[in-house]
């Protein structure tokens, strides 16, 4: 099948200006290869940047930090948990979230 031959492309870096211009309702921080505690520290450092602290999602406390290393960066069954958590967060449906999912709300 064609899917078997499909290879993911490299990650791309988006300039802060592009993200700021989109002014998202929600930001989910899940850096590749980074555990939850380190991702939280990285997000704290983002607050030093005016473009980040001015985002609607940050002002309205709709920033979530996820252990991207465990949940989003590796193929496998945990991707299903990650999708379920994503649905629960975006739709405000806590009952859908997998128990013990490694994330935390970021209050800034």
C-alpha atoms as a PDB file:
ATOM      1  CA  UNK A   1       0.000   0.000   0.000  1.00  0.00           C
ATOM      2  CA  UNK A   2       1.066   3.579  -0.456  1.00  0.00           C
ATOM      3  CA  UNK A   3       0.791   4.288   3.267  1.00  0.00           C
ATOM      4  CA  UNK A   4       3.519   1.754   4.041  1.00  0.00           C
ATOM      5  CA  UNK A   5       5.975   3.716   1.903  1.00  0.00           C
ATOM      6  CA  UNK A   6       5.033   7.098   3.345  1.00  0.00           C
ATOM      7  CA  UNK A   7       7.753   8.827   5.369  1.00  0.00           C
ATOM      8  CA  UNK A   8       7.159  11.802   7.628  1.00  0.00           C
ATOM      9  CA  UNK A   9       8.959  14.989   6.747  1.00  0.00           C
ATOM     10  CA  UNK A  10      11.240  16.954   8.981  1.00  0.00           C
ATOM     11  CA  UNK A  11       9.848  19.315  11.545  1.00  0.00           C
ATOM     12  CA  UNK A  12       9.659  22.922  10.525  1.00  0.00           C
ATOM     13  CA  UNK A  13      10.295  25.991  12.624  1.00  0.00           C
ATOM     14  CA  UNK A  14       7.595  28.627  12.517  1.00  0.00           C
ATOM     15  CA  UNK A  15       8.748  32.194  13.156  1.00  0.00           C
ATOM     16  CA  UNK A  16       7.192  33.721  16.283  1.00  0.00           C
ATOM     17  CA  UNK A  17       5.601  36.447  14.144  1.00  0.00           C
ATOM     18  CA  UNK A  18       3.519  33.847  12.296  1.00  0.00           C
ATOM     19  CA  UNK A  19       2.295  32.228  15.499  1.00  0.00           C
ATOM     20  CA  UNK A  20       1.573  35.628  17.048  1.00  0.00           C
ATOM     21  CA  UNK A  21      -0.390  36.699  13.961  1.00  0.00           C
ATOM     22  CA  UNK A  22      -2.602  33.615  14.258  1.00  0.00           C
ATOM     23  CA  UNK A  23      -3.400  34.551  17.904  1.00  0.00           C
ATOM     24  CA  UNK A  24      -4.574  31.029  18.799  1.00  0.00           C
ATOM     25  CA  UNK A  25      -7.382  30.286  21.239  1.00  0.00           C
ATOM     26  CA  UNK A  26      -5.353  27.400  22.689  1.00  0.00           C
ATOM     27  CA  UNK A  27      -1.640  26.599  22.855  1.00  0.00           C
ATOM     28  CA  UNK A  28      -0.372  23.118  23.608  1.00  0.00           C
ATOM     29  CA  UNK A  29       3.326  22.884  24.397  1.00  0.00           C
ATOM     30  CA  UNK A  30       4.658  19.361  23.777  1.00  0.00           C
ATOM     31  CA  UNK A  31       8.294  19.634  22.709  1.00  0.00           C
ATOM     32  CA  UNK A  32       9.814  16.582  21.090  1.00  0.00           C
ATOM     33  CA  UNK A  33      12.143  14.700  23.412  1.00  0.00           C
ATOM     34  CA  UNK A  34      11.287  16.849  26.434  1.00  0.00           C
ATOM     35  CA  UNK A  35       9.619  15.679  29.625  1.00  0.00           C
ATOM     36  CA  UNK A  36       6.901  17.606  31.447  1.00  0.00           C
ATOM     37  CA  UNK A  37       9.065  19.436  34.011  1.00  0.00           C
ATOM     38  CA  UNK A  38      11.497  20.641  31.361  1.00  0.00           C
ATOM     39  CA  UNK A  39       8.650  21.655  29.033  1.00  0.00           C
ATOM     40  CA  UNK A  40       7.183  23.736  31.876  1.00  0.00           C
ATOM     41  CA  UNK A  41      10.513  25.548  32.349  1.00  0.00           C
ATOM     42  CA  UNK A  42      10.694  26.189  28.589  1.00  0.00           C
ATOM     43  CA  UNK A  43       7.184  27.642  28.639  1.00  0.00           C
ATOM     44  CA  UNK A  44       8.095  29.908  31.571  1.00  0.00           C
ATOM     45  CA  UNK A  45      10.973  31.250  29.454  1.00  0.00           C
ATOM     46  CA  UNK A  46       8.543  31.948  26.607  1.00  0.00           C
ATOM     47  CA  UNK A  47       6.732  34.404  28.874  1.00  0.00           C
ATOM     48  CA  UNK A  48       9.791  36.637  28.623  1.00  0.00           C
ATOM     49  CA  UNK A  49       8.880  37.146  24.959  1.00  0.00           C
ATOM     50  CA  UNK A  50       6.217  39.818  24.404  1.00  0.00           C
ATOM     51  CA  UNK A  51       4.740  37.981  21.408  1.00  0.00           C
ATOM     52  CA  UNK A  52       4.003  34.931  23.612  1.00  0.00           C
ATOM     53  CA  UNK A  53       2.631  36.707  26.659  1.00  0.00           C
ATOM     54  CA  UNK A  54       0.293  38.732  24.428  1.00  0.00           C
ATOM     55  CA  UNK A  55      -1.333  35.683  22.817  1.00  0.00           C
ATOM     56  CA  UNK A  56      -5.049  35.299  23.563  1.00  0.00           C
ATOM     57  CA  UNK A  57      -4.459  31.706  24.749  1.00  0.00           C
ATOM     58  CA  UNK A  58      -1.881  32.893  27.290  1.00  0.00           C
ATOM     59  CA  UNK A  59      -3.992  35.815  28.501  1.00  0.00           C
ATOM     60  CA  UNK A  60      -7.022  33.521  28.904  1.00  0.00           C
ATOM     61  CA  UNK A  61      -5.018  30.728  30.578  1.00  0.00           C
ATOM     62  CA  UNK A  62      -5.628  28.227  27.765  1.00  0.00           C
ATOM     63  CA  UNK A  63      -2.073  26.876  27.605  1.00  0.00           C
ATOM     64  CA  UNK A  64      -1.429  23.208  28.305  1.00  0.00           C
ATOM     65  CA  UNK A  65       1.962  21.607  28.769  1.00  0.00           C
ATOM     66  CA  UNK A  66       2.289  17.941  27.836  1.00  0.00           C
ATOM     67  CA  UNK A  67       5.069  15.419  28.217  1.00  0.00           C
ATOM     68  CA  UNK A  68       5.676  15.350  24.477  1.00  0.00           C
ATOM     69  CA  UNK A  69       8.476  12.832  24.915  1.00  0.00           C
ATOM     70  CA  UNK A  70       6.002  10.206  26.161  1.00  0.00           C
ATOM     71  CA  UNK A  71       2.813  11.099  24.379  1.00  0.00           C
ATOM     72  CA  UNK A  72       3.189  12.842  21.022  1.00  0.00           C
ATOM     73  CA  UNK A  73       6.712  12.171  19.770  1.00  0.00           C
ATOM     74  CA  UNK A  74       6.732   8.403  19.432  1.00  0.00           C
ATOM     75  CA  UNK A  75       4.573   6.106  17.337  1.00  0.00           C
ATOM     76  CA  UNK A  76       2.577   3.542  19.281  1.00  0.00           C
ATOM     77  CA  UNK A  77      -0.496   3.032  21.448  1.00  0.00           C
ATOM     78  CA  UNK A  78       0.170   6.169  23.501  1.00  0.00           C
ATOM     79  CA  UNK A  79      -0.812   8.246  20.487  1.00  0.00           C
ATOM     80  CA  UNK A  80      -4.390   7.097  21.086  1.00  0.00           C
ATOM     81  CA  UNK A  81      -4.156   8.376  24.664  1.00  0.00           C
ATOM     82  CA  UNK A  82      -2.706  11.634  23.333  1.00  0.00           C
ATOM     83  CA  UNK A  83      -5.607  12.029  20.904  1.00  0.00           C
ATOM     84  CA  UNK A  84      -8.166  11.304  23.626  1.00  0.00           C
ATOM     85  CA  UNK A  85      -6.517  13.861  25.894  1.00  0.00           C
ATOM     86  CA  UNK A  86      -6.425  16.402  23.068  1.00  0.00           C
ATOM     87  CA  UNK A  87     -10.149  15.954  22.471  1.00  0.00           C
ATOM     88  CA  UNK A  88     -10.844  16.253  26.202  1.00  0.00           C
ATOM     89  CA  UNK A  89      -8.826  19.473  26.483  1.00  0.00           C
ATOM     90  CA  UNK A  90     -10.111  21.172  23.352  1.00  0.00           C
ATOM     91  CA  UNK A  91     -13.737  20.226  23.993  1.00  0.00           C
ATOM     92  CA  UNK A  92     -13.696  20.756  27.794  1.00  0.00           C
ATOM     93  CA  UNK A  93     -14.600  17.096  28.343  1.00  0.00           C
ATOM     94  CA  UNK A  94     -12.448  15.976  31.273  1.00  0.00           C
ATOM     95  CA  UNK A  95     -14.237  12.615  31.388  1.00  0.00           C
ATOM     96  CA  UNK A  96     -12.662  11.682  28.030  1.00  0.00           C
ATOM     97  CA  UNK A  97      -9.074  12.221  29.235  1.00  0.00           C
ATOM     98  CA  UNK A  98      -7.043   9.084  29.949  1.00  0.00           C
ATOM     99  CA  UNK A  99      -6.312   8.615  33.637  1.00  0.00           C
ATOM    100  CA  UNK A 100      -2.860   9.841  34.636  1.00  0.00           C
ATOM    101  CA  UNK A 101      -2.148  11.604  31.341  1.00  0.00           C
ATOM    102  CA  UNK A 102       1.097  13.635  31.810  1.00  0.00           C
ATOM    103  CA  UNK A 103       0.036  17.241  31.355  1.00  0.00           C
ATOM    104  CA  UNK A 104      -0.513  20.403  33.349  1.00  0.00           C
ATOM    105  CA  UNK A 105      -2.316  23.658  32.822  1.00  0.00           C
ATOM    106  CA  UNK A 106       0.001  26.624  32.496  1.00  0.00           C
ATOM    107  CA  UNK A 107      -1.151  29.693  34.374  1.00  0.00           C
ATOM    108  CA  UNK A 108       1.699  32.007  33.456  1.00  0.00           C
END
